[in-house]
Amino acid sequence: SQMPHGCMPLPSFWKMVEDTLQQSGAQLLTFCQMFETVTPSSVTEPLNPAEERKVLSLVSKHGPDKLYQVTSNVSGSKDLDLTLQRGQIVALLQSVDTKGNTSRWLVDAGGPRGFVPAGKLRPY
């Protein structure tokens, strides 16, 4: 009774609720469509000279099709996990860990080898 539409006749109230829900649904649909069209940029991070030498070494050892770039900082939390910085280049050795988990990949970071979450890597 304290709401402004508390005194409305019931059919008018339900019509108002239905109209509000339709309007909200249309706004949500528009938002979802806009969200789906936005894609993350695939800009590669610039490399410093030391990183460039490491990349050349990884290419000669593993080939260019095996190179991946780290998309965000990785803090190794389990045994054999690597800690890597965003933008580092690694070479894929296996797309699975020792237990068959495909969400952790074995990589060569130009010296240390270990596991990295697959979701934190993108093809270089």
N, C-alpha and C. Protein backbone atom coordinates (compact mmCIF):
# COMPACT_ATOMS: atom_id res chain seq x y z
N SER A 1 0.82 -1.20 0.00
CA SER A 1 0.00 0.00 0.00
C SER A 1 0.86 1.26 0.00
N GLN A 2 2.13 1.16 0.42
CA GLN A 2 3.00 2.33 0.44
C GLN A 2 3.61 2.61 -0.93
N MET A 3 3.57 1.66 -1.83
CA MET A 3 4.12 1.86 -3.17
C MET A 3 3.17 2.73 -3.98
N PRO A 4 3.71 3.52 -4.93
CA PRO A 4 2.85 4.41 -5.71
C PRO A 4 1.80 3.65 -6.52
N HIS A 5 2.11 2.44 -6.93
CA HIS A 5 1.15 1.69 -7.73
C HIS A 5 0.39 0.67 -6.86
N GLY A 6 0.45 0.83 -5.57
CA GLY A 6 -0.27 -0.05 -4.65
C GLY A 6 -1.77 0.11 -4.73
N CYS A 7 -2.22 1.26 -5.21
CA CYS A 7 -3.66 1.52 -5.29
C CYS A 7 -4.20 1.29 -6.70
N MET A 8 -3.34 0.81 -7.62
CA MET A 8 -3.77 0.59 -9.00
C MET A 8 -4.70 -0.62 -9.06
N PRO A 9 -5.62 -0.63 -9.99
CA PRO A 9 -6.41 -1.85 -10.20
C PRO A 9 -5.48 -2.98 -10.65
N LEU A 10 -5.78 -4.16 -10.25
CA LEU A 10 -4.92 -5.32 -10.52
C LEU A 10 -4.59 -5.49 -12.01
N PRO A 11 -5.53 -5.40 -12.95
CA PRO A 11 -5.18 -5.56 -14.36
C PRO A 11 -4.17 -4.50 -14.83
N SER A 12 -4.31 -3.27 -14.35
CA SER A 12 -3.36 -2.21 -14.73
C SER A 12 -1.98 -2.49 -14.15
N PHE A 13 -1.95 -2.99 -12.92
CA PHE A 13 -0.68 -3.32 -12.29
C PHE A 13 0.06 -4.41 -13.08
N TRP A 14 -0.64 -5.48 -13.46
CA TRP A 14 -0.01 -6.57 -14.19
C TRP A 14 0.44 -6.10 -15.58
N LYS A 15 -0.30 -5.21 -16.19
CA LYS A 15 0.09 -4.64 -17.48
C LYS A 15 1.38 -3.84 -17.33
N MET A 16 1.49 -3.05 -16.25
CA MET A 16 2.70 -2.28 -15.99
C MET A 16 3.90 -3.22 -15.78
N VAL A 17 3.70 -4.28 -15.01
CA VAL A 17 4.77 -5.25 -14.75
C VAL A 17 5.20 -5.90 -16.07
N GLU A 18 4.25 -6.31 -16.89
CA GLU A 18 4.55 -6.94 -18.17
C GLU A 18 5.33 -5.98 -19.09
N ASP A 19 4.90 -4.74 -19.15
CA ASP A 19 5.59 -3.75 -19.98
C ASP A 19 7.03 -3.53 -19.51
N THR A 20 7.20 -3.45 -18.20
CA THR A 20 8.54 -3.25 -17.62
C THR A 20 9.44 -4.44 -17.94
N LEU A 21 8.91 -5.65 -17.81
CA LEU A 21 9.70 -6.84 -18.10
C LEU A 21 10.07 -6.91 -19.58
N GLN A 22 9.14 -6.55 -20.47
CA GLN A 22 9.45 -6.55 -21.90
C GLN A 22 10.54 -5.53 -22.22
N GLN A 23 10.45 -4.36 -21.62
CA GLN A 23 11.45 -3.33 -21.85
C GLN A 23 12.82 -3.79 -21.34
N SER A 24 12.84 -4.37 -20.16
CA SER A 24 14.10 -4.87 -19.59
C SER A 24 14.67 -6.00 -20.44
N GLY A 25 13.80 -6.88 -20.94
CA GLY A 25 14.25 -7.97 -21.81
C GLY A 25 14.87 -7.45 -23.09
N ALA A 26 14.26 -6.41 -23.66
CA ALA A 26 14.80 -5.81 -24.89
C ALA A 26 16.16 -5.17 -24.61
N GLN A 27 16.30 -4.50 -23.47
CA GLN A 27 17.58 -3.89 -23.11
C GLN A 27 18.65 -4.97 -22.90
N LEU A 28 18.27 -6.05 -22.26
CA LEU A 28 19.22 -7.15 -22.03
C LEU A 28 19.66 -7.77 -23.34
N LEU A 29 18.73 -7.96 -24.26
CA LEU A 29 19.06 -8.52 -25.57
C LEU A 29 20.04 -7.62 -26.31
N THR A 30 19.78 -6.31 -26.29
CA THR A 30 20.68 -5.35 -26.93
C THR A 30 22.06 -5.41 -26.31
N PHE A 31 22.11 -5.47 -24.98
CA PHE A 31 23.40 -5.57 -24.28
C PHE A 31 24.14 -6.84 -24.68
N CYS A 32 23.44 -7.97 -24.71
CA CYS A 32 24.07 -9.25 -25.08
C CYS A 32 24.63 -9.19 -26.50
N GLN A 33 23.88 -8.60 -27.42
CA GLN A 33 24.35 -8.49 -28.80
C GLN A 33 25.59 -7.61 -28.88
N MET A 34 25.60 -6.50 -28.14
CA MET A 34 26.77 -5.62 -28.14
C MET A 34 27.97 -6.33 -27.52
N PHE A 35 27.74 -7.06 -26.44
CA PHE A 35 28.82 -7.76 -25.75
C PHE A 35 29.45 -8.82 -26.65
N GLU A 36 28.63 -9.54 -27.43
CA GLU A 36 29.13 -10.60 -28.30
C GLU A 36 29.98 -10.05 -29.44
N THR A 37 29.74 -8.80 -29.84
CA THR A 37 30.50 -8.24 -30.95
C THR A 37 31.85 -7.69 -30.50
N VAL A 38 32.03 -7.46 -29.21
CA VAL A 38 33.31 -6.97 -28.70
C VAL A 38 34.24 -8.15 -28.55
N THR A 39 35.39 -8.09 -29.20
CA THR A 39 36.37 -9.18 -29.09
C THR A 39 37.67 -8.62 -28.53
N PRO A 40 38.38 -9.40 -27.74
CA PRO A 40 39.64 -8.91 -27.21
C PRO A 40 40.65 -8.70 -28.33
N SER A 41 41.46 -7.70 -28.16
CA SER A 41 42.47 -7.43 -29.19
C SER A 41 43.53 -8.51 -29.18
N SER A 42 44.06 -8.81 -30.33
CA SER A 42 45.08 -9.85 -30.42
C SER A 42 46.45 -9.21 -30.66
N VAL A 43 46.67 -8.09 -29.99
CA VAL A 43 47.93 -7.39 -30.14
C VAL A 43 49.00 -8.16 -29.37
N THR A 44 50.12 -8.42 -30.01
CA THR A 44 51.20 -9.10 -29.33
C THR A 44 52.02 -8.08 -28.55
N GLU A 45 52.53 -8.52 -27.43
CA GLU A 45 53.33 -7.64 -26.58
C GLU A 45 54.70 -7.40 -27.22
N PRO A 46 55.23 -6.19 -27.12
CA PRO A 46 56.57 -5.94 -27.65
C PRO A 46 57.62 -6.70 -26.83
N LEU A 47 58.69 -7.10 -27.49
CA LEU A 47 59.73 -7.89 -26.83
C LEU A 47 60.99 -7.06 -26.64
N ASN A 48 61.66 -7.28 -25.51
CA ASN A 48 62.95 -6.64 -25.30
C ASN A 48 64.02 -7.51 -25.98
N PRO A 49 65.25 -6.99 -26.17
CA PRO A 49 66.28 -7.75 -26.90
C PRO A 49 66.58 -9.14 -26.31
N ALA A 50 66.61 -9.24 -24.99
CA ALA A 50 66.88 -10.55 -24.36
C ALA A 50 65.76 -11.53 -24.69
N GLU A 51 64.52 -11.04 -24.67
CA GLU A 51 63.38 -11.89 -24.98
C GLU A 51 63.42 -12.30 -26.46
N GLU A 52 63.84 -11.39 -27.34
CA GLU A 52 63.96 -11.72 -28.76
C GLU A 52 64.96 -12.85 -28.98
N ARG A 53 66.10 -12.81 -28.28
CA ARG A 53 67.09 -13.89 -28.40
C ARG A 53 66.50 -15.21 -27.92
N LYS A 54 65.74 -15.15 -26.83
CA LYS A 54 65.11 -16.37 -26.31
C LYS A 54 64.11 -16.92 -27.32
N VAL A 55 63.35 -16.03 -27.97
CA VAL A 55 62.38 -16.47 -28.98
C VAL A 55 63.09 -17.15 -30.13
N LEU A 56 64.20 -16.58 -30.60
CA LEU A 56 64.96 -17.19 -31.70
C LEU A 56 65.45 -18.57 -31.29
N SER A 57 65.88 -18.71 -30.06
CA SER A 57 66.34 -20.01 -29.56
C SER A 57 65.18 -21.02 -29.53
N LEU A 58 64.01 -20.57 -29.05
CA LEU A 58 62.86 -21.46 -28.99
C LEU A 58 62.40 -21.87 -30.39
N VAL A 59 62.45 -20.93 -31.33
CA VAL A 59 62.06 -21.25 -32.71
C VAL A 59 63.00 -22.30 -33.29
N SER A 60 64.31 -22.14 -33.05
CA SER A 60 65.26 -23.10 -33.61
C SER A 60 65.09 -24.49 -32.98
N LYS A 61 64.71 -24.55 -31.71
CA LYS A 61 64.53 -25.83 -31.04
C LYS A 61 63.19 -26.49 -31.35
N HIS A 62 62.11 -25.68 -31.39
CA HIS A 62 60.76 -26.26 -31.43
C HIS A 62 59.95 -25.88 -32.67
N GLY A 63 60.38 -24.89 -33.42
CA GLY A 63 59.63 -24.44 -34.60
C GLY A 63 58.67 -23.32 -34.25
N PRO A 64 58.33 -22.48 -35.23
CA PRO A 64 57.49 -21.31 -34.96
C PRO A 64 56.04 -21.65 -34.60
N ASP A 65 55.55 -22.78 -35.05
CA ASP A 65 54.16 -23.14 -34.77
C ASP A 65 53.92 -23.57 -33.33
N LYS A 66 54.97 -23.75 -32.55
CA LYS A 66 54.84 -24.17 -31.16
C LYS A 66 54.94 -23.01 -30.17
N LEU A 67 55.12 -21.78 -30.68
CA LEU A 67 55.31 -20.64 -29.78
C LEU A 67 53.98 -20.07 -29.31
N TYR A 68 53.95 -19.74 -28.03
CA TYR A 68 52.77 -19.13 -27.40
C TYR A 68 53.22 -17.95 -26.56
N GLN A 69 52.33 -16.97 -26.41
CA GLN A 69 52.61 -15.82 -25.56
C GLN A 69 51.72 -15.87 -24.34
N VAL A 70 52.29 -15.53 -23.19
CA VAL A 70 51.56 -15.52 -21.92
C VAL A 70 50.66 -14.28 -21.91
N THR A 71 49.35 -14.48 -21.68
CA THR A 71 48.39 -13.37 -21.76
C THR A 71 48.24 -12.60 -20.45
N SER A 72 48.58 -13.22 -19.33
CA SER A 72 48.55 -12.53 -18.03
C SER A 72 49.53 -13.23 -17.10
N ASN A 73 49.94 -12.54 -16.06
CA ASN A 73 50.92 -13.10 -15.13
C ASN A 73 50.45 -14.45 -14.59
N VAL A 74 51.40 -15.37 -14.48
CA VAL A 74 51.12 -16.72 -13.98
C VAL A 74 51.98 -16.95 -12.75
N SER A 75 51.34 -17.32 -11.64
CA SER A 75 52.06 -17.67 -10.42
C SER A 75 51.94 -19.16 -10.21
N GLY A 76 53.06 -19.86 -10.35
CA GLY A 76 53.04 -21.30 -10.17
C GLY A 76 52.67 -21.66 -8.76
N SER A 77 51.68 -22.54 -8.59
CA SER A 77 51.22 -22.90 -7.25
C SER A 77 51.45 -24.37 -6.94
N LYS A 78 51.61 -25.20 -7.97
CA LYS A 78 51.83 -26.63 -7.75
C LYS A 78 53.27 -26.98 -8.13
N ASP A 79 53.69 -28.19 -7.78
CA ASP A 79 55.00 -28.66 -8.19
C ASP A 79 55.09 -28.64 -9.71
N LEU A 80 56.20 -28.22 -10.23
CA LEU A 80 56.51 -28.15 -11.66
C LEU A 80 55.76 -27.05 -12.39
N ASP A 81 54.99 -26.20 -11.68
CA ASP A 81 54.35 -25.05 -12.32
C ASP A 81 55.38 -23.95 -12.50
N LEU A 82 55.26 -23.21 -13.59
CA LEU A 82 56.14 -22.07 -13.83
C LEU A 82 55.48 -20.78 -13.36
N THR A 83 56.30 -19.81 -13.00
CA THR A 83 55.85 -18.46 -12.73
C THR A 83 56.35 -17.61 -13.89
N LEU A 84 55.41 -17.02 -14.63
CA LEU A 84 55.76 -16.27 -15.84
C LEU A 84 55.08 -14.90 -15.83
N GLN A 85 55.66 -13.97 -16.57
CA GLN A 85 55.12 -12.62 -16.69
C GLN A 85 54.32 -12.49 -17.98
N ARG A 86 53.34 -11.61 -17.96
CA ARG A 86 52.54 -11.31 -19.16
C ARG A 86 53.48 -10.89 -20.28
N GLY A 87 53.25 -11.46 -21.47
CA GLY A 87 54.05 -11.11 -22.64
C GLY A 87 55.20 -12.06 -22.93
N GLN A 88 55.58 -12.90 -21.96
CA GLN A 88 56.67 -13.85 -22.19
C GLN A 88 56.28 -14.85 -23.28
N ILE A 89 57.30 -15.32 -24.01
CA ILE A 89 57.09 -16.31 -25.05
C ILE A 89 57.58 -17.66 -24.55
N VAL A 90 56.79 -18.70 -24.80
CA VAL A 90 57.16 -20.06 -24.42
C VAL A 90 56.90 -20.98 -25.61
N ALA A 91 57.49 -22.16 -25.56
CA ALA A 91 57.26 -23.16 -26.60
C ALA A 91 56.46 -24.31 -26.00
N LEU A 92 55.42 -24.72 -26.70
CA LEU A 92 54.57 -25.82 -26.24
C LEU A 92 55.29 -27.15 -26.44
N LEU A 93 55.39 -27.93 -25.36
CA LEU A 93 55.98 -29.27 -25.45
C LEU A 93 54.88 -30.33 -25.47
N GLN A 94 53.88 -30.16 -24.60
CA GLN A 94 52.74 -31.09 -24.56
C GLN A 94 51.50 -30.31 -24.14
N SER A 95 50.37 -30.59 -24.77
CA SER A 95 49.13 -29.90 -24.43
C SER A 95 48.33 -30.70 -23.40
N VAL A 96 49.04 -31.30 -22.46
CA VAL A 96 48.43 -32.10 -21.41
C VAL A 96 49.46 -32.25 -20.28
N ASP A 97 48.98 -32.39 -19.03
CA ASP A 97 49.93 -32.63 -17.94
C ASP A 97 50.09 -34.13 -17.70
N THR A 98 50.83 -34.49 -16.68
CA THR A 98 51.15 -35.90 -16.43
C THR A 98 49.93 -36.73 -16.05
N LYS A 99 48.84 -36.07 -15.63
CA LYS A 99 47.62 -36.80 -15.25
C LYS A 99 46.56 -36.74 -16.34
N GLY A 100 46.93 -36.24 -17.53
CA GLY A 100 45.98 -36.17 -18.63
C GLY A 100 45.10 -34.93 -18.63
N ASN A 101 45.41 -33.97 -17.76
CA ASN A 101 44.63 -32.73 -17.66
C ASN A 101 45.03 -31.80 -18.81
N THR A 102 44.08 -31.48 -19.69
CA THR A 102 44.38 -30.64 -20.84
C THR A 102 44.32 -29.14 -20.53
N SER A 103 43.99 -28.78 -19.30
CA SER A 103 43.97 -27.36 -18.94
C SER A 103 45.32 -26.88 -18.44
N ARG A 104 46.29 -27.79 -18.31
CA ARG A 104 47.67 -27.42 -17.94
C ARG A 104 48.59 -27.97 -19.03
N TRP A 105 49.39 -27.07 -19.60
CA TRP A 105 50.30 -27.46 -20.69
C TRP A 105 51.75 -27.42 -20.22
N LEU A 106 52.52 -28.36 -20.73
CA LEU A 106 53.95 -28.39 -20.47
C LEU A 106 54.64 -27.50 -21.50
N VAL A 107 55.41 -26.52 -21.01
CA VAL A 107 56.07 -25.57 -21.91
C VAL A 107 57.55 -25.44 -21.57
N ASP A 108 58.30 -24.98 -22.57
CA ASP A 108 59.71 -24.61 -22.41
C ASP A 108 59.74 -23.10 -22.40
N ALA A 109 60.22 -22.51 -21.30
CA ALA A 109 60.27 -21.06 -21.18
C ALA A 109 61.65 -20.52 -21.53
N GLY A 110 62.40 -21.26 -22.34
CA GLY A 110 63.74 -20.80 -22.72
C GLY A 110 64.76 -21.11 -21.65
N GLY A 111 64.60 -22.17 -20.97
CA GLY A 111 65.47 -22.58 -19.86
C GLY A 111 64.66 -23.49 -18.97
N PRO A 112 63.87 -22.88 -18.07
CA PRO A 112 63.02 -23.74 -17.23
C PRO A 112 61.87 -24.33 -18.04
N ARG A 113 61.50 -25.53 -17.68
CA ARG A 113 60.34 -26.20 -18.27
C ARG A 113 59.37 -26.50 -17.16
N GLY A 114 58.08 -26.39 -17.46
CA GLY A 114 57.08 -26.67 -16.45
C GLY A 114 55.69 -26.47 -17.01
N PHE A 115 54.72 -26.47 -16.11
CA PHE A 115 53.32 -26.40 -16.51
C PHE A 115 52.77 -25.00 -16.34
N VAL A 116 51.86 -24.66 -17.27
CA VAL A 116 51.20 -23.35 -17.29
C VAL A 116 49.72 -23.59 -17.62
N PRO A 117 48.81 -22.83 -17.02
CA PRO A 117 47.40 -22.97 -17.40
C PRO A 117 47.21 -22.65 -18.88
N ALA A 118 46.57 -23.54 -19.61
CA ALA A 118 46.38 -23.36 -21.05
C ALA A 118 45.63 -22.08 -21.36
N GLY A 119 44.72 -21.67 -20.50
CA GLY A 119 43.93 -20.47 -20.72
C GLY A 119 44.73 -19.18 -20.66
N LYS A 120 45.96 -19.26 -20.17
CA LYS A 120 46.81 -18.07 -20.07
C LYS A 120 47.78 -17.96 -21.25
N LEU A 121 47.59 -18.81 -22.26
CA LEU A 121 48.47 -18.81 -23.43
C LEU A 121 47.67 -18.56 -24.70
N ARG A 122 48.30 -17.84 -25.64
CA ARG A 122 47.69 -17.66 -26.96
C ARG A 122 48.80 -17.87 -27.99
N PRO A 123 48.44 -18.39 -29.16
CA PRO A 123 49.47 -18.61 -30.18
C PRO A 123 50.21 -17.31 -30.51
N TYR A 124 51.52 -17.43 -30.66
CA TYR A 124 52.36 -16.29 -31.00
C TYR A 124 52.57 -16.32 -32.48
